Amino acid sequence: MKIAFVHPALMDYRLELFNNLNKLYDLTFIFTRQGRGQDDVKEKHLKIPKHWDYKIVRSDKLMVRGRSFHMFLKLMRELLKRKYDIILTSTSWYICFPIAKITGKKFILLTEYWHFVSDSLLKRLSNLLIKFIAKHADAIITTGTKAYEAHLNFNVKKEKIFKCIQCAVDYSDIPTIDLRGELGLRGKKIILYLSRIVPHKGLDYLIKAFSLLEKETNVALLIVGEGPFRKECENLIKELGIKNVFFMDGVFDDILKASYYKACDVFVLPAIFGDKYEAWGLVINEAMAFGKPIVTTDAVGAAYDLVKNGYNGYIIKNRNIHELYKALHKILLDSDLAKRMGEKSREIFEEENNYSKMCEAFINAINYVKNKE
């Protein structure tokens, strides 16, 4: 049984899962964006192991609105010329699905998406197509409770949906450097934002909430990341007259990334709903591995599986600056609360961030479509 696994790129948080699946099945990994990050923001893509059977179909030709039609043609050619029995994909569904149906192959959809509300006509049409594909897929693997519930609401048969939790790498055992000392932040409470700087991440709302906190306590905001929205955020900081904000470049070094997580007192992912949103948010997993309290929003998929309101952090309404300020204020001004929440974060991480359980969902989905033959 030959399986094509279509995925954007090899990231560190996928390596253990892919290695496990590669040992169990005759897999060909087909990467569509290897070497190019989301929103064209640089990402750390891993070198693909030589012993894997893989193809890279990425292309920079015939680009329209950030998509390469030449890549689509290369992907179609690969799926049509090789004798695959199952096509498993997390990307380019609108290419993979019709090819699977035309050629009589089984189709497994891997998805983290759960919010299908939009004011954009184009996006609404796209969502209708996604729902159609989900209903007619042979099996679906949903990463997270919200994605699972969303597909049940599409009237997809429950028996063909297999749920797992998104897993991330545990960096907490990596030796770190003293960033508080290097940045001159000893004695300050540190809020950490570590992600791409794009509008739907909601960094501007965090900056506005921080402007209120800065007036009341000795606090600093570390912004670690790159992206096209950075200039707007820098201008906002100037307009608000904020002083203790530090922009750091995106991290591609594990020691440096671990050092940022270790240095902070609270981690924040303030994402908002729009045409894009935070379907999961693996930085929450990563921060929880370090035993950090989490403040995030209802527009973040990971919140519904990993954050328990008032237990290991707070889930606030997206775009609500006052709620974000209050949540941060509670944690930063109560060291005992912050410590308890951080300990609970680590406990939840150890329970839920389980690659064996994640792999099991894939195995069950593959077995399900095999038994349907």
Protein backbone atom coordinates (compact mmCIF):
# COMPACT_ATOMS: atom_id res chain seq x y z
CA MET A 1 0.00 0.00 0.00
CA LYS A 2 1.60 3.23 -1.22
CA ILE A 3 0.72 6.51 0.52
CA ALA A 4 1.37 10.04 -0.73
CA PHE A 5 1.61 12.48 2.17
CA VAL A 6 1.29 16.04 0.81
CA HIS A 7 2.50 18.68 3.26
CA PRO A 8 3.95 22.22 3.00
CA ALA A 9 7.41 21.69 4.54
CA LEU A 10 9.38 19.68 7.08
CA MET A 11 9.37 21.51 10.41
CA ASP A 12 10.91 20.34 13.68
CA TYR A 13 7.49 19.74 15.26
CA ARG A 14 6.60 17.25 12.50
CA LEU A 15 9.85 15.25 12.46
CA GLU A 16 8.96 12.70 15.17
CA LEU A 17 5.49 12.08 13.70
CA PHE A 18 6.82 11.68 10.17
CA ASN A 19 9.60 9.36 11.30
CA ASN A 20 7.09 7.15 13.11
CA LEU A 21 4.75 6.98 10.12
CA ASN A 22 7.63 6.34 7.72
CA LYS A 23 8.59 3.24 9.73
CA LEU A 24 5.05 1.88 9.48
CA TYR A 25 4.07 2.61 5.88
CA ASP A 26 5.36 2.88 2.33
CA LEU A 27 5.27 6.66 2.28
CA THR A 28 6.28 9.33 -0.18
CA PHE A 29 6.38 12.80 1.34
CA ILE A 30 5.50 15.52 -1.15
CA PHE A 31 6.49 19.01 0.08
CA THR A 32 4.86 21.99 -1.63
CA ARG A 33 6.55 24.92 0.15
CA GLN A 34 9.88 23.55 1.38
CA GLY A 35 12.18 26.56 1.71
CA ARG A 36 9.42 29.19 1.70
CA GLY A 37 7.63 30.18 4.91
CA GLN A 38 4.03 31.17 5.53
CA ASP A 39 3.23 34.70 4.37
CA ASP A 40 6.74 34.54 2.86
CA VAL A 41 8.20 35.03 6.35
CA LYS A 42 11.38 33.00 6.84
CA GLU A 43 10.91 29.73 8.73
CA LYS A 44 13.28 27.07 9.98
CA HIS A 45 12.72 24.12 7.63
CA LEU A 46 14.64 20.95 8.41
CA LYS A 47 16.84 19.05 6.02
CA ILE A 48 14.84 16.09 4.76
CA PRO A 49 16.33 12.74 5.84
CA LYS A 50 18.06 10.98 2.96
CA HIS A 51 16.41 7.63 3.69
CA TRP A 52 12.92 9.07 3.16
CA ASP A 53 11.16 8.76 -0.18
CA TYR A 54 10.23 12.37 -0.91
CA LYS A 55 9.54 14.93 -3.61
CA ILE A 56 9.75 18.73 -3.48
CA VAL A 57 7.30 20.33 -5.90
CA ARG A 58 7.76 23.92 -4.75
CA SER A 59 7.98 26.49 -7.52
CA ASP A 60 8.35 30.26 -7.72
CA LYS A 61 6.95 30.44 -11.25
CA LEU A 62 3.49 31.63 -12.32
CA MET A 63 2.80 33.26 -8.94
CA VAL A 64 -0.71 34.66 -8.37
CA ARG A 65 -1.65 36.05 -4.94
CA GLY A 66 1.15 34.12 -3.27
CA ARG A 67 0.32 30.81 -4.97
CA SER A 68 2.36 29.14 -7.68
CA PHE A 69 0.29 27.57 -10.44
CA HIS A 70 3.45 25.90 -11.66
CA MET A 71 3.65 24.12 -8.28
CA PHE A 72 0.07 22.92 -8.78
CA LEU A 73 1.02 21.46 -12.15
CA LYS A 74 4.05 19.69 -10.65
CA LEU A 75 1.89 18.31 -7.83
CA MET A 76 -0.73 17.05 -10.26
CA ARG A 77 1.91 15.36 -12.36
CA GLU A 78 3.42 13.64 -9.32
CA LEU A 79 0.07 12.36 -8.03
CA LEU A 80 -0.99 11.13 -11.46
CA LYS A 81 2.20 9.41 -12.53
CA ARG A 82 2.90 7.44 -9.31
CA LYS A 83 0.70 4.53 -8.30
CA TYR A 84 -0.47 5.73 -4.91
CA ASP A 85 -3.26 3.93 -3.05
CA ILE A 86 -3.93 6.72 -0.54
CA ILE A 87 -3.48 10.47 -0.80
CA LEU A 88 -3.14 12.06 2.65
CA THR A 89 -2.89 15.83 2.59
CA SER A 90 -2.84 18.91 4.79
CA THR A 91 -2.52 21.34 1.88
CA SER A 92 -3.63 21.91 -1.74
CA TRP A 93 -6.83 19.96 -1.04
CA TYR A 94 -8.50 21.35 -4.18
CA ILE A 95 -5.80 19.63 -6.26
CA CYS A 96 -5.40 16.42 -4.25
CA PHE A 97 -9.11 15.70 -3.74
CA PRO A 98 -10.25 15.67 -7.41
CA ILE A 99 -7.18 13.65 -8.43
CA ALA A 100 -7.97 11.07 -5.75
CA LYS A 101 -11.57 10.82 -6.93
CA ILE A 102 -10.70 10.69 -10.64
CA THR A 103 -8.07 7.98 -10.12
CA GLY A 104 -10.04 5.98 -7.55
CA LYS A 105 -7.57 6.58 -4.72
CA LYS A 106 -8.54 6.90 -1.06
CA PHE A 107 -8.41 10.46 0.25
CA ILE A 108 -7.52 11.41 3.85
CA LEU A 109 -7.77 15.04 4.89
CA LEU A 110 -5.51 16.35 7.66
CA THR A 111 -6.91 19.63 8.95
CA GLU A 112 -6.65 22.06 11.84
CA TYR A 113 -9.25 24.52 10.50
CA TRP A 114 -12.42 25.30 12.46
CA HIS A 115 -13.50 28.90 11.90
CA PHE A 116 -15.48 29.28 8.70
CA VAL A 117 -16.97 32.77 9.05
CA SER A 118 -15.91 35.51 6.67
CA ASP A 119 -17.14 38.74 5.09
CA SER A 120 -15.17 37.97 1.94
CA LEU A 121 -17.13 36.43 -0.92
CA LEU A 122 -14.02 34.62 -2.16
CA LYS A 123 -13.37 33.20 1.30
CA ARG A 124 -16.99 32.09 1.70
CA LEU A 125 -16.79 30.25 -1.61
CA SER A 126 -13.53 28.66 -0.50
CA ASN A 127 -15.17 27.55 2.75
CA LEU A 128 -18.01 25.92 0.83
CA LEU A 129 -15.44 23.97 -1.18
CA ILE A 130 -13.66 22.91 2.03
CA LYS A 131 -16.95 21.66 3.49
CA PHE A 132 -17.70 19.70 0.30
CA ILE A 133 -14.27 18.07 0.36
CA ALA A 134 -14.64 17.22 4.06
CA LYS A 135 -18.00 15.53 3.51
CA HIS A 136 -16.64 13.43 0.64
CA ALA A 137 -13.24 12.56 2.10
CA ASP A 138 -12.71 8.92 2.99
CA ALA A 139 -11.36 9.95 6.40
CA ILE A 140 -10.44 13.13 8.26
CA ILE A 141 -7.74 13.70 10.86
CA THR A 142 -8.53 16.81 12.90
CA THR A 143 -5.87 18.38 15.08
CA GLY A 144 -7.76 19.77 18.05
CA THR A 145 -11.21 19.81 19.59
CA LYS A 146 -12.43 22.85 17.68
CA ALA A 147 -11.58 21.31 14.30
CA TYR A 148 -13.26 18.06 15.36
CA GLU A 149 -16.44 19.86 16.42
CA ALA A 150 -16.49 22.00 13.28
CA HIS A 151 -16.42 18.95 11.02
CA LEU A 152 -19.13 17.22 13.02
CA ASN A 153 -21.22 20.34 12.43
CA PHE A 154 -20.71 19.84 8.68
CA ASN A 155 -22.65 16.58 9.17
CA VAL A 156 -19.52 14.56 8.46
CA LYS A 157 -19.93 11.01 9.75
CA LYS A 158 -18.44 10.74 13.23
CA GLU A 159 -16.83 7.37 12.54
CA LYS A 160 -14.58 8.78 9.83
CA ILE A 161 -13.18 11.66 11.94
CA PHE A 162 -10.04 10.97 13.98
CA LYS A 163 -8.95 13.59 16.51
CA CYS A 164 -5.49 14.29 17.88
CA ILE A 165 -3.69 17.12 19.62
CA GLN A 166 -1.04 19.10 17.75
CA CYS A 167 2.37 18.33 19.22
CA ALA A 168 5.46 20.52 19.50
CA VAL A 169 9.09 19.96 20.39
CA ASP A 170 10.01 20.20 24.07
CA TYR A 171 12.95 22.63 24.21
CA SER A 172 12.96 22.91 28.00
CA ASP A 173 15.98 20.64 28.54
CA ILE A 174 18.21 22.67 26.19
CA PRO A 175 20.96 24.72 27.90
CA THR A 176 20.05 28.42 27.79
CA ILE A 177 21.74 31.79 27.96
CA ASP A 178 20.91 34.57 30.43
CA LEU A 179 18.83 36.86 28.24
CA ARG A 180 17.62 38.90 31.20
CA GLY A 181 21.21 39.84 31.90
CA GLU A 182 22.17 40.38 28.26
CA LEU A 183 19.16 42.61 27.60
CA GLY A 184 19.41 44.48 30.90
CA LEU A 185 16.00 43.27 32.07
CA ARG A 186 16.79 41.94 35.53
CA GLY A 187 14.13 43.01 37.99
CA LYS A 188 11.48 43.43 35.30
CA LYS A 189 8.46 41.24 34.61
CA ILE A 190 8.77 39.99 31.04
CA ILE A 191 5.89 39.40 28.64
CA LEU A 192 6.89 37.32 25.62
CA TYR A 193 5.39 37.34 22.13
CA LEU A 194 7.14 34.85 19.84
CA SER A 195 5.56 34.38 16.42
CA ARG A 196 5.34 35.82 12.92
CA ILE A 197 4.41 39.51 12.90
CA VAL A 198 1.32 39.47 10.72
CA PRO A 199 -2.06 41.16 11.32
CA HIS A 200 -4.08 38.11 12.44
CA LYS A 201 -1.63 37.40 15.28
CA GLY A 202 -3.04 40.46 17.09
CA LEU A 203 0.27 41.95 18.22
CA ASP A 204 -1.14 45.49 17.97
CA TYR A 205 -3.75 44.61 20.63
CA LEU A 206 -1.02 43.33 22.93
CA ILE A 207 0.95 46.55 22.43
CA LYS A 208 -2.11 48.61 23.41
CA ALA A 209 -2.69 46.47 26.52
CA PHE A 210 1.00 46.75 27.38
CA SER A 211 0.79 50.55 27.25
CA LEU A 212 -1.62 50.35 30.20
CA LEU A 213 0.54 47.89 32.13
CA GLU A 214 3.70 49.91 31.69
CA LYS A 215 2.15 52.76 33.66
CA GLU A 216 1.58 50.50 36.69
CA THR A 217 4.43 48.02 37.01
CA ASN A 218 8.07 47.38 36.08
CA VAL A 219 7.41 45.35 32.93
CA ALA A 220 8.98 44.69 29.53
CA LEU A 221 7.56 43.28 26.31
CA LEU A 222 9.79 41.06 24.18
CA ILE A 223 8.60 40.72 20.58
CA VAL A 224 10.44 37.91 18.82
CA GLY A 225 9.66 37.41 15.16
CA GLU A 226 9.58 38.84 11.66
CA GLY A 227 6.86 39.82 9.25
CA PRO A 228 5.21 42.50 7.13
CA PHE A 229 3.17 43.93 10.03
CA ARG A 230 6.23 44.96 12.06
CA LYS A 231 6.39 48.53 10.76
CA GLU A 232 2.79 49.21 11.77
CA CYS A 233 3.51 47.85 15.24
CA GLU A 234 6.64 49.99 15.58
CA ASN A 235 4.64 53.08 14.61
CA LEU A 236 1.97 52.21 17.17
CA ILE A 237 4.61 51.97 19.91
CA LYS A 238 5.87 55.45 19.00
CA GLU A 239 2.34 56.87 18.98
CA LEU A 240 1.63 55.45 22.44
CA GLY A 241 4.96 56.59 23.84
CA ILE A 242 5.88 53.12 25.09
CA LYS A 243 9.46 52.60 26.24
CA ASN A 244 10.03 49.03 27.39
CA VAL A 245 9.38 47.12 24.16
CA PHE A 246 12.17 45.14 22.53
CA PHE A 247 11.97 43.79 18.97
CA MET A 248 14.13 40.75 18.38
CA ASP A 249 14.63 38.98 15.04
CA GLY A 250 12.97 35.63 14.37
CA VAL A 251 14.75 32.74 16.08
CA PHE A 252 16.18 29.81 14.13
CA ASP A 253 18.53 28.67 16.88
CA ASP A 254 17.10 26.26 19.45
CA ILE A 255 19.24 27.61 22.31
CA LEU A 256 18.07 31.15 21.67
CA LYS A 257 14.43 30.11 21.37
CA ALA A 258 14.64 28.18 24.65
CA SER A 259 16.31 31.18 26.28
CA TYR A 260 13.41 33.48 25.36
CA TYR A 261 10.84 31.07 26.79
CA LYS A 262 12.86 30.59 29.97
CA ALA A 263 13.33 34.33 30.47
CA CYS A 264 9.66 35.32 30.34
CA ASP A 265 7.11 35.51 33.16
CA VAL A 266 4.07 35.05 30.91
CA PHE A 267 3.57 34.06 27.29
CA VAL A 268 0.95 35.77 25.12
CA LEU A 269 -0.61 34.82 21.78
CA PRO A 270 -3.23 37.55 21.18
CA ALA A 271 -4.57 36.33 17.81
CA ILE A 272 -7.75 37.74 16.27
CA PHE A 273 -10.42 36.50 13.90
CA GLY A 274 -10.35 37.68 10.29
CA ASP A 275 -9.92 36.02 6.90
CA LYS A 276 -6.96 34.39 8.64
CA TYR A 277 -6.83 33.19 12.23
CA GLU A 278 -4.70 30.99 14.49
CA ALA A 279 -6.02 27.52 13.74
CA TRP A 280 -3.72 26.05 16.40
CA GLY A 281 -0.68 28.00 17.71
CA LEU A 282 2.23 25.67 18.51
CA VAL A 283 4.06 28.39 20.42
CA ILE A 284 1.55 27.75 23.21
CA ASN A 285 2.74 24.14 23.47
CA GLU A 286 6.34 25.34 23.48
CA ALA A 287 5.82 27.95 26.21
CA MET A 288 3.88 25.47 28.37
CA ALA A 289 6.82 23.07 28.19
CA PHE A 290 8.77 25.72 30.12
CA GLY A 291 6.09 25.95 32.78
CA LYS A 292 4.79 29.38 31.78
CA PRO A 293 1.32 30.84 32.35
CA ILE A 294 -0.47 31.51 29.07
CA VAL A 295 -2.68 34.38 27.98
CA THR A 296 -4.40 33.85 24.66
CA THR A 297 -7.70 34.45 22.89
CA ASP A 298 -10.78 32.65 21.67
CA ALA A 299 -9.33 32.92 18.14
CA VAL A 300 -6.59 30.37 18.94
CA GLY A 301 -7.30 26.67 18.43
CA ALA A 302 -4.78 25.46 21.01
CA ALA A 303 -6.57 27.44 23.72
CA TYR A 304 -9.49 25.00 23.73
CA ASP A 305 -7.27 21.97 24.37
CA LEU A 306 -4.31 23.31 26.33
CA VAL A 307 -5.42 26.38 28.29
CA LYS A 308 -7.86 26.10 31.19
CA ASN A 309 -9.19 29.50 32.09
CA GLY A 310 -7.97 30.58 35.50
CA TYR A 311 -5.99 27.34 35.93
CA ASN A 312 -2.87 27.66 33.78
CA GLY A 313 -3.68 30.99 32.18
CA TYR A 314 -6.53 32.98 30.67
CA ILE A 315 -8.51 32.82 27.43
CA ILE A 316 -9.86 36.25 26.62
CA LYS A 317 -12.08 37.56 23.85
CA ASN A 318 -10.06 38.47 20.76
CA ARG A 319 -9.60 42.20 20.06
CA ASN A 320 -10.52 43.02 23.68
CA ILE A 321 -7.69 45.20 24.97
CA HIS A 322 -9.19 45.63 28.46
CA GLU A 323 -9.59 41.87 29.01
CA LEU A 324 -6.02 41.30 27.81
CA TYR A 325 -4.75 43.99 30.18
CA LYS A 326 -6.68 42.51 33.14
CA ALA A 327 -5.40 38.97 32.51
CA LEU A 328 -1.80 40.12 32.31
CA HIS A 329 -2.24 42.36 35.34
CA LYS A 330 -3.49 39.43 37.47
CA ILE A 331 -0.54 37.21 36.56
CA LEU A 332 2.23 39.80 36.70
CA LEU A 333 1.17 41.26 40.06
CA ASP A 334 0.72 37.90 41.79
CA SER A 335 3.91 35.81 41.81
CA ASP A 336 2.24 32.88 43.59
CA LEU A 337 -0.54 32.75 40.98
CA ALA A 338 2.01 32.91 38.14
CA LYS A 339 4.01 30.06 39.70
CA ARG A 340 0.93 27.84 40.17
CA MET A 341 -0.28 28.50 36.65
CA GLY A 342 3.15 27.73 35.23
CA GLU A 343 3.29 24.40 37.07
CA LYS A 344 -0.16 23.49 35.72
CA SER A 345 0.96 24.41 32.20
CA ARG A 346 3.80 21.91 32.42
CA GLU A 347 1.45 19.21 33.75
CA ILE A 348 -0.98 19.74 30.88
CA PHE A 349 1.87 19.75 28.36
CA GLU A 350 3.15 16.39 29.63
CA GLU A 351 -0.34 14.90 29.37
CA GLU A 352 -1.46 16.29 26.02
CA ASN A 353 1.71 16.84 23.95
CA ASN A 354 1.99 13.16 23.07
CA TYR A 355 3.40 12.12 19.68
CA SER A 356 2.38 8.49 20.20
CA LYS A 357 -1.26 9.51 20.57
CA MET A 358 -0.97 11.78 17.54
CA CYS A 359 0.50 8.96 15.46
CA GLU A 360 -2.30 6.66 16.63
CA ALA A 361 -4.90 8.95 15.04
CA PHE A 362 -3.10 8.63 11.68
CA ILE A 363 -2.89 4.85 12.04
CA ASN A 364 -6.60 4.62 12.84
CA ALA A 365 -7.53 6.81 9.86
CA ILE A 366 -5.37 4.75 7.47
CA ASN A 367 -6.78 1.48 8.82
CA TYR A 368 -10.30 2.88 8.45
CA VAL A 369 -9.91 3.63 4.73
CA LYS A 370 -8.13 0.32 4.14
CA ASN A 371 -11.02 -1.59 5.70
CA LYS A 372 -13.50 0.28 3.49
CA GLU A 373 -12.00 -1.31 0.36
